[in-house]
């Protein structure tokens, strides 16, 4: 098939998606889907002491927070309440502090017993279908447009996202493990999060229907402290860390409405939109996948090319910029999708 025919095929498919009410995303940055597998109930494992994070050599202007197992338990607790602390890695950074304050302002101090009862680690056995999700990514939008999906390129990235953590932390609690050599049946230590992000539950281009049970909910986004809150009749029920636009293209201040929600959306890569906010005829339709520029979710607002979406680089949430949109980690985007519905108000301030 020629490049011209491939491009024509993607454009025709994009029109089909729009006519079907399924979002083909632009603006911000397919293997068979297996059946969901229930979370494994295995004894919690503590990593060897030698695998815990060690201070980096050399002087640093802003050294990272030190590892603490108590902080790890706190992060797991907050995450279980839909108060996302960012990366679950045992380091009490800015988001963990902010979200702890948000939780305790609503529910009071967290009882020490609630943290002491948490087993911070568990094990995960690699499955054949996990390995099948690892693929390659081309270097240019034109080449990516010819792929069937935008997959994970490393098993460790798949595991880190599943357990709401970083690749660095997985390496630290699995001393001596070569993740590139793992095979089906091998086990690794992971943070003991209550609800791992199960990407197998997300079908490509899956449109989320309106849910009348969530019609009284709303979203508040504070671009200054970089937090997103979901409210139900003015009661905060979830808090997630975000990246809110950039200095060149800040998130639009004001009151908006969620117009559509799609899991695993196709992405319209248009350099004109990304650089200048101008839609052009020179674009590429990029397939869905966890390494899409918008991750696994697009919740479009009634503001052209602006939405709330996932991320292909969850470790940069709150630290890097986006092209005017609100960016969540993929695991928080998955939970956000379960909390809101089309028609909800989104206030950005």
C-alpha atoms as a PDB file:
ATOM      1  CA  UNK A   1       0.000   0.000   0.000  1.00  0.00           C
ATOM      2  CA  UNK A   2       1.392   3.451  -0.929  1.00  0.00           C
ATOM      3  CA  UNK A   3       1.971   6.265   1.567  1.00  0.00           C
ATOM      4  CA  UNK A   4      -0.724   8.300  -0.177  1.00  0.00           C
ATOM      5  CA  UNK A   5      -3.305   5.543   0.228  1.00  0.00           C
ATOM      6  CA  UNK A   6      -2.373   5.025   3.884  1.00  0.00           C
ATOM      7  CA  UNK A   7      -2.796   8.745   4.566  1.00  0.00           C
ATOM      8  CA  UNK A   8      -6.131   8.759   2.752  1.00  0.00           C
ATOM      9  CA  UNK A   9      -7.259   5.748   4.779  1.00  0.00           C
ATOM     10  CA  UNK A  10      -6.479   7.485   8.081  1.00  0.00           C
ATOM     11  CA  UNK A  11      -8.298  10.662   6.995  1.00  0.00           C
ATOM     12  CA  UNK A  12     -11.378   8.694   5.999  1.00  0.00           C
ATOM     13  CA  UNK A  13     -11.273   6.849   9.322  1.00  0.00           C
ATOM     14  CA  UNK A  14     -10.951  10.122  11.215  1.00  0.00           C
ATOM     15  CA  UNK A  15     -14.130  11.406   9.531  1.00  0.00           C
ATOM     16  CA  UNK A  16     -15.861   8.172  10.491  1.00  0.00           C
ATOM     17  CA  UNK A  17     -14.867   8.652  14.125  1.00  0.00           C
ATOM     18  CA  UNK A  18     -16.219  12.191  14.182  1.00  0.00           C
ATOM     19  CA  UNK A  19     -19.514  11.184  12.604  1.00  0.00           C
ATOM     20  CA  UNK A  20     -19.806   8.357  15.117  1.00  0.00           C
ATOM     21  CA  UNK A  21     -19.367  10.737  18.044  1.00  0.00           C
ATOM     22  CA  UNK A  22     -15.980   9.221  18.974  1.00  0.00           C
ATOM     23  CA  UNK A  23     -13.344  11.840  19.654  1.00  0.00           C
ATOM     24  CA  UNK A  24     -10.338  12.206  17.376  1.00  0.00           C
ATOM     25  CA  UNK A  25      -8.162  14.456  19.481  1.00  0.00           C
ATOM     26  CA  UNK A  26      -5.967  17.344  18.432  1.00  0.00           C
ATOM     27  CA  UNK A  27      -4.332  20.209  20.227  1.00  0.00           C
ATOM     28  CA  UNK A  28      -2.538  18.740  23.215  1.00  0.00           C
ATOM     29  CA  UNK A  29      -0.066  16.601  22.983  1.00  0.00           C
ATOM     30  CA  UNK A  30      -4.086  -2.533  18.060  1.00  0.00           C
ATOM     31  CA  UNK A  31      -3.316  -5.688  19.753  1.00  0.00           C
ATOM     32  CA  UNK A  32      -6.223  -7.902  20.908  1.00  0.00           C
ATOM     33  CA  UNK A  33      -7.374  -6.710  24.317  1.00  0.00           C
ATOM     34  CA  UNK A  34      -7.310  -9.597  26.836  1.00  0.00           C
ATOM     35  CA  UNK A  35     -10.043 -10.177  29.389  1.00  0.00           C
ATOM     36  CA  UNK A  36      -9.580  -8.366  32.715  1.00  0.00           C
ATOM     37  CA  UNK A  37      -7.618 -10.339  35.283  1.00  0.00           C
ATOM     38  CA  UNK A  38      -8.518  -9.863  38.954  1.00  0.00           C
ATOM     39  CA  UNK A  39      -5.889  -8.329  41.192  1.00  0.00           C
ATOM     40  CA  UNK A  40      -3.653 -11.015  42.603  1.00  0.00           C
ATOM     41  CA  UNK A  41      -3.921 -11.667  46.307  1.00  0.00           C
ATOM     42  CA  UNK A  42      -0.381 -12.536  47.267  1.00  0.00           C
ATOM     43  CA  UNK A  43       1.542 -12.110  50.513  1.00  0.00           C
ATOM     44  CA  UNK A  44       3.171  -8.713  50.782  1.00  0.00           C
ATOM     45  CA  UNK A  45       6.908  -8.765  50.240  1.00  0.00           C
ATOM     46  CA  UNK A  46       9.408  -6.379  51.768  1.00  0.00           C
ATOM     47  CA  UNK A  47      12.329  -5.602  49.485  1.00  0.00           C
ATOM     48  CA  UNK A  48      15.864  -6.290  50.653  1.00  0.00           C
ATOM     49  CA  UNK A  49      17.348  -3.382  52.590  1.00  0.00           C
ATOM     50  CA  UNK A  50      20.034  -3.093  49.957  1.00  0.00           C
ATOM     51  CA  UNK A  51      17.391  -2.280  47.346  1.00  0.00           C
ATOM     52  CA  UNK A  52      16.119   0.847  49.084  1.00  0.00           C
ATOM     53  CA  UNK A  53      17.021   4.187  47.503  1.00  0.00           C
ATOM     54  CA  UNK A  54      20.467   5.488  48.355  1.00  0.00           C
ATOM     55  CA  UNK A  55      21.506   9.161  48.259  1.00  0.00           C
ATOM     56  CA  UNK A  56      22.947  10.160  44.911  1.00  0.00           C
ATOM     57  CA  UNK A  57      26.688  10.885  44.920  1.00  0.00           C
ATOM     58  CA  UNK A  58      27.881  14.439  44.574  1.00  0.00           C
ATOM     59  CA  UNK A  59      26.496  17.726  45.790  1.00  0.00           C
ATOM     60  CA  UNK A  60      23.114  18.828  44.460  1.00  0.00           C
ATOM     61  CA  UNK A  61      21.431  22.218  44.642  1.00  0.00           C
ATOM     62  CA  UNK A  62      18.023  20.598  45.226  1.00  0.00           C
ATOM     63  CA  UNK A  63      18.527  17.046  46.509  1.00  0.00           C
ATOM     64  CA  UNK A  64      15.488  14.766  46.131  1.00  0.00           C
ATOM     65  CA  UNK A  65      13.492  13.859  49.249  1.00  0.00           C
ATOM     66  CA  UNK A  66      14.839  10.815  51.073  1.00  0.00           C
ATOM     67  CA  UNK A  67      13.047   7.499  50.879  1.00  0.00           C
ATOM     68  CA  UNK A  68      10.793   6.557  53.793  1.00  0.00           C
ATOM     69  CA  UNK A  69       8.655   3.456  54.088  1.00  0.00           C
ATOM     70  CA  UNK A  70       6.212   5.480  56.201  1.00  0.00           C
ATOM     71  CA  UNK A  71       5.833   7.938  53.332  1.00  0.00           C
ATOM     72  CA  UNK A  72       5.293   5.008  50.975  1.00  0.00           C
ATOM     73  CA  UNK A  73       2.440   3.794  53.192  1.00  0.00           C
ATOM     74  CA  UNK A  74       0.994   7.319  53.294  1.00  0.00           C
ATOM     75  CA  UNK A  75       1.070   7.542  49.502  1.00  0.00           C
ATOM     76  CA  UNK A  76      -0.630   4.148  49.168  1.00  0.00           C
ATOM     77  CA  UNK A  77      -3.307   5.246  51.649  1.00  0.00           C
ATOM     78  CA  UNK A  78      -3.999   8.528  49.841  1.00  0.00           C
ATOM     79  CA  UNK A  79      -4.044   6.805  46.465  1.00  0.00           C
ATOM     80  CA  UNK A  80      -6.623   4.307  47.755  1.00  0.00           C
ATOM     81  CA  UNK A  81      -8.924   7.248  48.607  1.00  0.00           C
ATOM     82  CA  UNK A  82      -8.645   8.811  45.113  1.00  0.00           C
ATOM     83  CA  UNK A  83      -6.319  11.495  46.492  1.00  0.00           C
ATOM     84  CA  UNK A  84      -3.466  10.924  44.081  1.00  0.00           C
ATOM     85  CA  UNK A  85      -0.033  11.781  45.563  1.00  0.00           C
ATOM     86  CA  UNK A  86       1.759  11.577  42.234  1.00  0.00           C
ATOM     87  CA  UNK A  87       4.401   8.874  41.945  1.00  0.00           C
ATOM     88  CA  UNK A  88       4.185   6.269  44.693  1.00  0.00           C
ATOM     89  CA  UNK A  89       7.859   6.035  45.522  1.00  0.00           C
ATOM     90  CA  UNK A  90       8.274   6.707  49.242  1.00  0.00           C
ATOM     91  CA  UNK A  91       9.508  10.277  48.783  1.00  0.00           C
ATOM     92  CA  UNK A  92       7.453  13.086  50.291  1.00  0.00           C
ATOM     93  CA  UNK A  93       7.537  15.656  47.515  1.00  0.00           C
ATOM     94  CA  UNK A  94       5.272  18.580  46.759  1.00  0.00           C
ATOM     95  CA  UNK A  95       2.244  16.634  45.549  1.00  0.00           C
ATOM     96  CA  UNK A  96       2.252  14.254  48.515  1.00  0.00           C
ATOM     97  CA  UNK A  97       2.308  17.239  50.868  1.00  0.00           C
ATOM     98  CA  UNK A  98      -0.456  19.110  49.024  1.00  0.00           C
ATOM     99  CA  UNK A  99      -2.735  16.099  48.732  1.00  0.00           C
ATOM    100  CA  UNK A 100      -2.192  15.140  52.375  1.00  0.00           C
ATOM    101  CA  UNK A 101      -3.290  18.648  53.378  1.00  0.00           C
ATOM    102  CA  UNK A 102      -6.315  18.415  51.080  1.00  0.00           C
ATOM    103  CA  UNK A 103      -7.362  15.070  52.563  1.00  0.00           C
ATOM    104  CA  UNK A 104      -6.865  16.114  56.184  1.00  0.00           C
ATOM    105  CA  UNK A 105      -8.728  19.395  55.668  1.00  0.00           C
ATOM    106  CA  UNK A 106     -11.784  17.278  54.834  1.00  0.00           C
ATOM    107  CA  UNK A 107     -11.416  14.245  57.076  1.00  0.00           C
ATOM    108  CA  UNK A 108      -9.024  15.280  59.832  1.00  0.00           C
ATOM    109  CA  UNK A 109      -5.606  13.804  60.652  1.00  0.00           C
ATOM    110  CA  UNK A 110      -4.926  10.367  59.228  1.00  0.00           C
ATOM    111  CA  UNK A 111      -4.933   7.840  62.102  1.00  0.00           C
ATOM    112  CA  UNK A 112      -1.499   6.206  62.505  1.00  0.00           C
ATOM    113  CA  UNK A 113      -3.201   2.810  62.707  1.00  0.00           C
ATOM    114  CA  UNK A 114      -4.543   3.291  59.157  1.00  0.00           C
ATOM    115  CA  UNK A 115      -0.971   3.541  57.888  1.00  0.00           C
ATOM    116  CA  UNK A 116       0.533   0.865  60.110  1.00  0.00           C
ATOM    117  CA  UNK A 117      -1.894  -1.717  58.737  1.00  0.00           C
ATOM    118  CA  UNK A 118      -0.683  -1.184  55.156  1.00  0.00           C
ATOM    119  CA  UNK A 119       1.739  -3.682  53.636  1.00  0.00           C
ATOM    120  CA  UNK A 120       3.818  -1.442  51.364  1.00  0.00           C
ATOM    121  CA  UNK A 121       4.937  -4.104  48.885  1.00  0.00           C
ATOM    122  CA  UNK A 122       3.429  -7.014  47.015  1.00  0.00           C
ATOM    123  CA  UNK A 123       4.564  -9.151  44.096  1.00  0.00           C
ATOM    124  CA  UNK A 124       3.388  -9.298  40.516  1.00  0.00           C
ATOM    125  CA  UNK A 125       3.818 -12.290  38.214  1.00  0.00           C
ATOM    126  CA  UNK A 126       4.556 -11.395  34.612  1.00  0.00           C
ATOM    127  CA  UNK A 127       1.941 -12.724  32.149  1.00  0.00           C
ATOM    128  CA  UNK A 128       2.259 -13.615  28.495  1.00  0.00           C
ATOM    129  CA  UNK A 129      -0.242 -10.909  27.587  1.00  0.00           C
ATOM    130  CA  UNK A 130       1.879  -8.320  29.417  1.00  0.00           C
ATOM    131  CA  UNK A 131       4.854  -9.116  27.209  1.00  0.00           C
ATOM    132  CA  UNK A 132       2.612  -8.888  24.138  1.00  0.00           C
ATOM    133  CA  UNK A 133       1.920  -5.237  25.001  1.00  0.00           C
ATOM    134  CA  UNK A 134       5.560  -4.269  24.560  1.00  0.00           C
ATOM    135  CA  UNK A 135       6.404  -2.945  21.105  1.00  0.00           C
ATOM    136  CA  UNK A 136       8.333  -0.313  19.214  1.00  0.00           C
ATOM    137  CA  UNK A 137       7.653   3.324  18.477  1.00  0.00           C
ATOM    138  CA  UNK A 138       8.727   5.112  15.321  1.00  0.00           C
ATOM    139  CA  UNK A 139      10.555   8.428  15.528  1.00  0.00           C
ATOM    140  CA  UNK A 140       8.320  10.711  13.456  1.00  0.00           C
ATOM    141  CA  UNK A 141       4.566  11.432  13.403  1.00  0.00           C
ATOM    142  CA  UNK A 142       4.439  10.340   9.763  1.00  0.00           C
ATOM    143  CA  UNK A 143       5.870   6.922  10.668  1.00  0.00           C
ATOM    144  CA  UNK A 144       3.821   6.568  13.863  1.00  0.00           C
ATOM    145  CA  UNK A 145       0.685   7.158  11.782  1.00  0.00           C
ATOM    146  CA  UNK A 146       1.418   3.845  10.020  1.00  0.00           C
ATOM    147  CA  UNK A 147       1.506   1.887  13.292  1.00  0.00           C
ATOM    148  CA  UNK A 148      -1.455  -0.036  14.676  1.00  0.00           C
ATOM    149  CA  UNK A 149      -0.944   1.405  18.169  1.00  0.00           C
ATOM    150  CA  UNK A 150       1.377   3.453  20.342  1.00  0.00           C
ATOM    151  CA  UNK A 151       2.520   0.776  22.800  1.00  0.00           C
ATOM    152  CA  UNK A 152       4.807   0.588  25.786  1.00  0.00           C
ATOM    153  CA  UNK A 153       8.380   0.113  24.604  1.00  0.00           C
ATOM    154  CA  UNK A 154       9.668  -1.414  27.865  1.00  0.00           C
ATOM    155  CA  UNK A 155       8.172  -3.924  30.276  1.00  0.00           C
ATOM    156  CA  UNK A 156       9.342  -1.802  33.202  1.00  0.00           C
ATOM    157  CA  UNK A 157       7.294   1.152  31.892  1.00  0.00           C
ATOM    158  CA  UNK A 158       4.193  -1.063  31.734  1.00  0.00           C
ATOM    159  CA  UNK A 159       4.781  -2.217  35.332  1.00  0.00           C
ATOM    160  CA  UNK A 160       5.530   1.277  36.635  1.00  0.00           C
ATOM    161  CA  UNK A 161       2.304   2.671  35.191  1.00  0.00           C
ATOM    162  CA  UNK A 162       0.276  -0.291  36.427  1.00  0.00           C
ATOM    163  CA  UNK A 163       1.460   0.318  39.984  1.00  0.00           C
ATOM    164  CA  UNK A 164       1.448   4.138  39.957  1.00  0.00           C
ATOM    165  CA  UNK A 165       5.196   4.465  40.367  1.00  0.00           C
ATOM    166  CA  UNK A 166       8.419   5.230  38.518  1.00  0.00           C
ATOM    167  CA  UNK A 167      10.832   2.979  36.687  1.00  0.00           C
ATOM    168  CA  UNK A 168      13.573   4.156  39.026  1.00  0.00           C
ATOM    169  CA  UNK A 169      11.653   3.002  42.108  1.00  0.00           C
ATOM    170  CA  UNK A 170      10.932  -0.414  40.594  1.00  0.00           C
ATOM    171  CA  UNK A 171      14.638  -0.873  39.973  1.00  0.00           C
ATOM    172  CA  UNK A 172      15.400   0.146  43.558  1.00  0.00           C
ATOM    173  CA  UNK A 173      13.043  -2.405  45.105  1.00  0.00           C
ATOM    174  CA  UNK A 174      14.167  -5.144  42.709  1.00  0.00           C
ATOM    175  CA  UNK A 175      17.922  -5.058  43.179  1.00  0.00           C
ATOM    176  CA  UNK A 176      19.802  -6.957  40.493  1.00  0.00           C
ATOM    177  CA  UNK A 177      16.731  -7.600  38.309  1.00  0.00           C
ATOM    178  CA  UNK A 178      17.150  -7.022  34.572  1.00  0.00           C
ATOM    179  CA  UNK A 179      13.622  -6.068  33.540  1.00  0.00           C
ATOM    180  CA  UNK A 180      14.493  -6.519  29.860  1.00  0.00           C
ATOM    181  CA  UNK A 181      15.153 -10.213  30.528  1.00  0.00           C
ATOM    182  CA  UNK A 182      11.953 -10.999  32.450  1.00  0.00           C
ATOM    183  CA  UNK A 183       9.704 -13.707  31.057  1.00  0.00           C
ATOM    184  CA  UNK A 184       6.155 -14.920  31.723  1.00  0.00           C
ATOM    185  CA  UNK A 185       6.024 -16.488  35.169  1.00  0.00           C
ATOM    186  CA  UNK A 186       8.749 -14.294  36.687  1.00  0.00           C
ATOM    187  CA  UNK A 187       7.764 -12.176  39.701  1.00  0.00           C
ATOM    188  CA  UNK A 188       8.815  -8.685  40.776  1.00  0.00           C
ATOM    189  CA  UNK A 189       8.225  -6.463  43.802  1.00  0.00           C
ATOM    190  CA  UNK A 190       5.770  -3.584  43.276  1.00  0.00           C
ATOM    191  CA  UNK A 191       4.038  -0.991  45.484  1.00  0.00           C
ATOM    192  CA  UNK A 192       0.920  -2.502  47.040  1.00  0.00           C
ATOM    193  CA  UNK A 193      -1.604  -0.100  45.503  1.00  0.00           C
ATOM    194  CA  UNK A 194      -5.274  -0.933  45.983  1.00  0.00           C
ATOM    195  CA  UNK A 195      -6.349  -0.507  42.353  1.00  0.00           C
ATOM    196  CA  UNK A 196      -3.588  -1.091  39.780  1.00  0.00           C
ATOM    197  CA  UNK A 197      -4.100   0.564  36.400  1.00  0.00           C
ATOM    198  CA  UNK A 198      -5.270  -2.294  34.167  1.00  0.00           C
ATOM    199  CA  UNK A 199      -4.825  -1.107  30.618  1.00  0.00           C
ATOM    200  CA  UNK A 200      -6.505  -4.260  29.324  1.00  0.00           C
ATOM    201  CA  UNK A 201      -9.823  -2.722  30.402  1.00  0.00           C
ATOM    202  CA  UNK A 202      -9.511   0.077  27.828  1.00  0.00           C
ATOM    203  CA  UNK A 203     -10.719  -0.703  24.310  1.00  0.00           C
ATOM    204  CA  UNK A 204      -9.385   1.531  21.491  1.00  0.00           C
ATOM    205  CA  UNK A 205     -11.630   4.499  20.635  1.00  0.00           C
ATOM    206  CA  UNK A 206     -14.137   3.567  23.332  1.00  0.00           C
ATOM    207  CA  UNK A 207     -16.696   6.333  23.834  1.00  0.00           C
ATOM    208  CA  UNK A 208     -17.949   6.853  27.392  1.00  0.00           C
ATOM    209  CA  UNK A 209     -21.743   7.345  27.521  1.00  0.00           C
ATOM    210  CA  UNK A 210     -23.324   9.995  29.774  1.00  0.00           C
ATOM    211  CA  UNK A 211     -24.043   8.847  33.319  1.00  0.00           C
ATOM    212  CA  UNK A 212     -27.042  10.599  34.954  1.00  0.00           C
ATOM    213  CA  UNK A 213     -25.792   9.469  38.390  1.00  0.00           C
ATOM    214  CA  UNK A 214     -22.825  11.852  37.998  1.00  0.00           C
ATOM    215  CA  UNK A 215     -24.695  14.879  36.655  1.00  0.00           C
ATOM    216  CA  UNK A 216     -24.244  16.836  39.914  1.00  0.00           C
ATOM    217  CA  UNK A 217     -20.473  16.535  39.794  1.00  0.00           C
ATOM    218  CA  UNK A 218     -18.027  19.224  38.761  1.00  0.00           C
ATOM    219  CA  UNK A 219     -14.301  19.713  38.323  1.00  0.00           C
ATOM    220  CA  UNK A 220     -12.112  22.449  39.788  1.00  0.00           C
ATOM    221  CA  UNK A 221      -8.593  22.996  38.464  1.00  0.00           C
ATOM    222  CA  UNK A 222      -6.098  25.166  40.321  1.00  0.00           C
ATOM    223  CA  UNK A 223      -3.298  25.981  37.884  1.00  0.00           C
ATOM    224  CA  UNK A 224      -1.203  27.607  40.613  1.00  0.00           C
ATOM    225  CA  UNK A 225      -0.856  24.565  42.879  1.00  0.00           C
ATOM    226  CA  UNK A 226      -1.386  22.153  39.956  1.00  0.00           C
ATOM    227  CA  UNK A 227      -4.212  20.106  41.405  1.00  0.00           C
ATOM    228  CA  UNK A 228      -7.500  18.902  39.921  1.00  0.00           C
ATOM    229  CA  UNK A 229     -10.463  18.280  42.222  1.00  0.00           C
ATOM    230  CA  UNK A 230     -13.642  16.347  41.470  1.00  0.00           C
ATOM    231  CA  UNK A 231     -16.667  17.439  43.485  1.00  0.00           C
ATOM    232  CA  UNK A 232     -20.037  15.791  44.024  1.00  0.00           C
ATOM    233  CA  UNK A 233     -22.606  18.423  45.080  1.00  0.00           C
ATOM    234  CA  UNK A 234     -19.736  20.626  46.324  1.00  0.00           C
ATOM    235  CA  UNK A 235     -18.114  17.775  48.301  1.00  0.00           C
ATOM    236  CA  UNK A 236     -14.560  16.939  47.184  1.00  0.00           C
ATOM    237  CA  UNK A 237     -14.357  13.238  46.286  1.00  0.00           C
ATOM    238  CA  UNK A 238     -11.019  13.104  44.445  1.00  0.00           C
ATOM    239  CA  UNK A 239      -7.821  15.106  44.003  1.00  0.00           C
ATOM    240  CA  UNK A 240      -5.185  14.480  41.320  1.00  0.00           C
ATOM    241  CA  UNK A 241      -1.895  16.211  40.374  1.00  0.00           C
ATOM    242  CA  UNK A 242      -1.769  17.806  36.923  1.00  0.00           C
ATOM    243  CA  UNK A 243       0.270  19.691  34.366  1.00  0.00           C
ATOM    244  CA  UNK A 244      -1.816  22.758  33.388  1.00  0.00           C
ATOM    245  CA  UNK A 245      -0.632  24.085  30.041  1.00  0.00           C
ATOM    246  CA  UNK A 246       2.544  26.136  29.678  1.00  0.00           C
ATOM    247  CA  UNK A 247       3.728  29.738  29.844  1.00  0.00           C
ATOM    248  CA  UNK A 248       3.310  30.015  26.066  1.00  0.00           C
ATOM    249  CA  UNK A 249      -0.079  28.257  25.986  1.00  0.00           C
ATOM    250  CA  UNK A 250      -1.595  28.320  29.483  1.00  0.00           C
ATOM    251  CA  UNK A 251      -4.738  26.408  30.334  1.00  0.00           C
ATOM    252  CA  UNK A 252      -7.742  28.634  29.572  1.00  0.00           C
ATOM    253  CA  UNK A 253      -9.059  30.316  32.704  1.00  0.00           C
ATOM    254  CA  UNK A 254     -12.834  30.198  32.992  1.00  0.00           C
ATOM    255  CA  UNK A 255     -15.826  27.911  33.255  1.00  0.00           C
ATOM    256  CA  UNK A 256     -16.175  25.134  30.677  1.00  0.00           C
ATOM    257  CA  UNK A 257     -18.168  21.956  30.094  1.00  0.00           C
ATOM    258  CA  UNK A 258     -17.070  18.400  29.304  1.00  0.00           C
ATOM    259  CA  UNK A 259     -18.441  17.673  25.824  1.00  0.00           C
ATOM    260  CA  UNK A 260     -17.182  14.148  25.273  1.00  0.00           C
ATOM    261  CA  UNK A 261     -15.052  11.445  26.906  1.00  0.00           C
ATOM    262  CA  UNK A 262     -13.140   8.790  24.950  1.00  0.00           C
ATOM    263  CA  UNK A 263     -10.815   6.054  26.151  1.00  0.00           C
ATOM    264  CA  UNK A 264      -7.849   5.221  23.910  1.00  0.00           C
ATOM    265  CA  UNK A 265      -8.560   8.060  21.455  1.00  0.00           C
ATOM    266  CA  UNK A 266      -7.009   8.603  18.068  1.00  0.00           C
ATOM    267  CA  UNK A 267      -4.839  11.729  18.033  1.00  0.00           C
ATOM    268  CA  UNK A 268      -4.728  14.328  15.276  1.00  0.00           C
ATOM    269  CA  UNK A 269      -1.134  15.510  15.195  1.00  0.00           C
ATOM    270  CA  UNK A 270      -1.154  19.026  13.742  1.00  0.00           C
ATOM    271  CA  UNK A 271       2.026  21.031  14.258  1.00  0.00           C
ATOM    272  CA  UNK A 272       0.127  24.249  13.590  1.00  0.00           C
ATOM    273  CA  UNK A 273      -2.245  23.577  16.478  1.00  0.00           C
ATOM    274  CA  UNK A 274       0.589  22.606  18.817  1.00  0.00           C
ATOM    275  CA  UNK A 275       2.805  25.591  18.046  1.00  0.00           C
ATOM    276  CA  UNK A 276       0.318  28.359  17.241  1.00  0.00           C
ATOM    277  CA  UNK A 277      -3.141  27.040  18.054  1.00  0.00           C
ATOM    278  CA  UNK A 278      -4.045  27.131  14.341  1.00  0.00           C
ATOM    279  CA  UNK A 279      -5.620  24.104  12.653  1.00  0.00           C
ATOM    280  CA  UNK A 280      -3.949  23.226   9.339  1.00  0.00           C
ATOM    281  CA  UNK A 281      -4.351  20.686   6.551  1.00  0.00           C
ATOM    282  CA  UNK A 282      -0.910  19.211   7.274  1.00  0.00           C
ATOM    283  CA  UNK A 283      -1.648  16.617   9.950  1.00  0.00           C
ATOM    284  CA  UNK A 284      -1.276  12.926  10.789  1.00  0.00           C
ATOM    285  CA  UNK A 285      -3.766  10.642  12.515  1.00  0.00           C
ATOM    286  CA  UNK A 286      -1.879   8.780  15.246  1.00  0.00           C
ATOM    287  CA  UNK A 287      -3.306   5.505  16.594  1.00  0.00           C
ATOM    288  CA  UNK A 288      -4.345   4.972  20.231  1.00  0.00           C
ATOM    289  CA  UNK A 289      -2.140   3.539  22.928  1.00  0.00           C
ATOM    290  CA  UNK A 290      -0.522   4.333  26.280  1.00  0.00           C
ATOM    291  CA  UNK A 291       2.292   6.235  24.575  1.00  0.00           C
ATOM    292  CA  UNK A 292      -0.037   8.546  22.672  1.00  0.00           C
ATOM    293  CA  UNK A 293       0.579  12.265  23.348  1.00  0.00           C
ATOM    294  CA  UNK A 294      -2.777  12.246  25.207  1.00  0.00           C
ATOM    295  CA  UNK A 295      -2.284   8.891  26.881  1.00  0.00           C
ATOM    296  CA  UNK A 296      -5.311   6.669  27.407  1.00  0.00           C
ATOM    297  CA  UNK A 297      -8.019   9.329  27.762  1.00  0.00           C
ATOM    298  CA  UNK A 298      -9.431  12.470  26.190  1.00  0.00           C
ATOM    299  CA  UNK A 299     -12.158  14.495  27.920  1.00  0.00           C
ATOM    300  CA  UNK A 300     -12.832  17.342  25.513  1.00  0.00           C
ATOM    301  CA  UNK A 301     -14.115  20.711  26.704  1.00  0.00           C
ATOM    302  CA  UNK A 302     -16.284  23.244  24.872  1.00  0.00           C
ATOM    303  CA  UNK A 303     -13.086  25.083  24.032  1.00  0.00           C
ATOM    304  CA  UNK A 304     -11.528  24.031  20.698  1.00  0.00           C
ATOM    305  CA  UNK A 305      -8.506  21.723  21.033  1.00  0.00           C
ATOM    306  CA  UNK A 306      -8.587  21.858  24.868  1.00  0.00           C
ATOM    307  CA  UNK A 307      -9.274  18.898  27.125  1.00  0.00           C
ATOM    308  CA  UNK A 308      -8.276  16.834  30.137  1.00  0.00           C
ATOM    309  CA  UNK A 309      -6.170  13.863  29.111  1.00  0.00           C
ATOM    310  CA  UNK A 310      -3.598  11.241  30.048  1.00  0.00           C
ATOM    311  CA  UNK A 311       0.137  11.256  29.462  1.00  0.00           C
ATOM    312  CA  UNK A 312       2.839   9.182  27.796  1.00  0.00           C
ATOM    313  CA  UNK A 313       5.352  10.507  30.368  1.00  0.00           C
ATOM    314  CA  UNK A 314       3.700  10.193  33.804  1.00  0.00           C
ATOM    315  CA  UNK A 315       6.966  10.888  35.619  1.00  0.00           C
ATOM    316  CA  UNK A 316       6.843  14.487  34.341  1.00  0.00           C
ATOM    317  CA  UNK A 317       3.375  15.418  35.651  1.00  0.00           C
ATOM    318  CA  UNK A 318       3.621  18.803  37.328  1.00  0.00           C
ATOM    319  CA  UNK A 319       7.165  19.327  36.066  1.00  0.00           C
ATOM    320  CA  UNK A 320       6.863  19.873  32.313  1.00  0.00           C
ATOM    321  CA  UNK A 321       4.484  21.786  30.061  1.00  0.00           C
ATOM    322  CA  UNK A 322       1.495  20.883  27.884  1.00  0.00           C
ATOM    323  CA  UNK A 323      -0.055  22.685  24.931  1.00  0.00           C
ATOM    324  CA  UNK A 324      -2.867  24.368  26.871  1.00  0.00           C
ATOM    325  CA  UNK A 325      -4.537  21.197  28.118  1.00  0.00           C
ATOM    326  CA  UNK A 326      -4.805  19.587  31.552  1.00  0.00           C
ATOM    327  CA  UNK A 327      -2.550  16.531  31.720  1.00  0.00           C
ATOM    328  CA  UNK A 328      -2.920  13.651  34.199  1.00  0.00           C
ATOM    329  CA  UNK A 329      -0.959  10.444  34.630  1.00  0.00           C
ATOM    330  CA  UNK A 330      -2.654   7.572  32.823  1.00  0.00           C
ATOM    331  CA  UNK A 331      -3.635   5.893  36.095  1.00  0.00           C
ATOM    332  CA  UNK A 332      -5.255   9.072  37.396  1.00  0.00           C
ATOM    333  CA  UNK A 333      -6.888   9.686  33.995  1.00  0.00           C
ATOM    334  CA  UNK A 334      -8.453   6.220  34.212  1.00  0.00           C
ATOM    335  CA  UNK A 335      -9.940   7.048  37.625  1.00  0.00           C
ATOM    336  CA  UNK A 336     -11.031  10.491  36.479  1.00  0.00           C
ATOM    337  CA  UNK A 337     -13.034   8.835  33.695  1.00  0.00           C
ATOM    338  CA  UNK A 338     -14.925   6.779  36.291  1.00  0.00           C
ATOM    339  CA  UNK A 339     -15.829   9.871  38.332  1.00  0.00           C
ATOM    340  CA  UNK A 340     -17.190  12.376  35.797  1.00  0.00           C
ATOM    341  CA  UNK A 341     -19.598  12.495  32.887  1.00  0.00           C
ATOM    342  CA  UNK A 342     -20.470  14.512  29.818  1.00  0.00           C
ATOM    343  CA  UNK A 343     -22.055  17.840  30.831  1.00  0.00           C
ATOM    344  CA  UNK A 344     -20.044  18.334  34.033  1.00  0.00           C
ATOM    345  CA  UNK A 345     -18.727  21.854  34.594  1.00  0.00           C
ATOM    346  CA  UNK A 346     -14.950  22.373  34.633  1.00  0.00           C
ATOM    347  CA  UNK A 347     -13.716  25.547  36.330  1.00  0.00           C
ATOM    348  CA  UNK A 348     -10.092  26.463  35.583  1.00  0.00           C
ATOM    349  CA  UNK A 349      -8.558  29.133  37.772  1.00  0.00           C
END
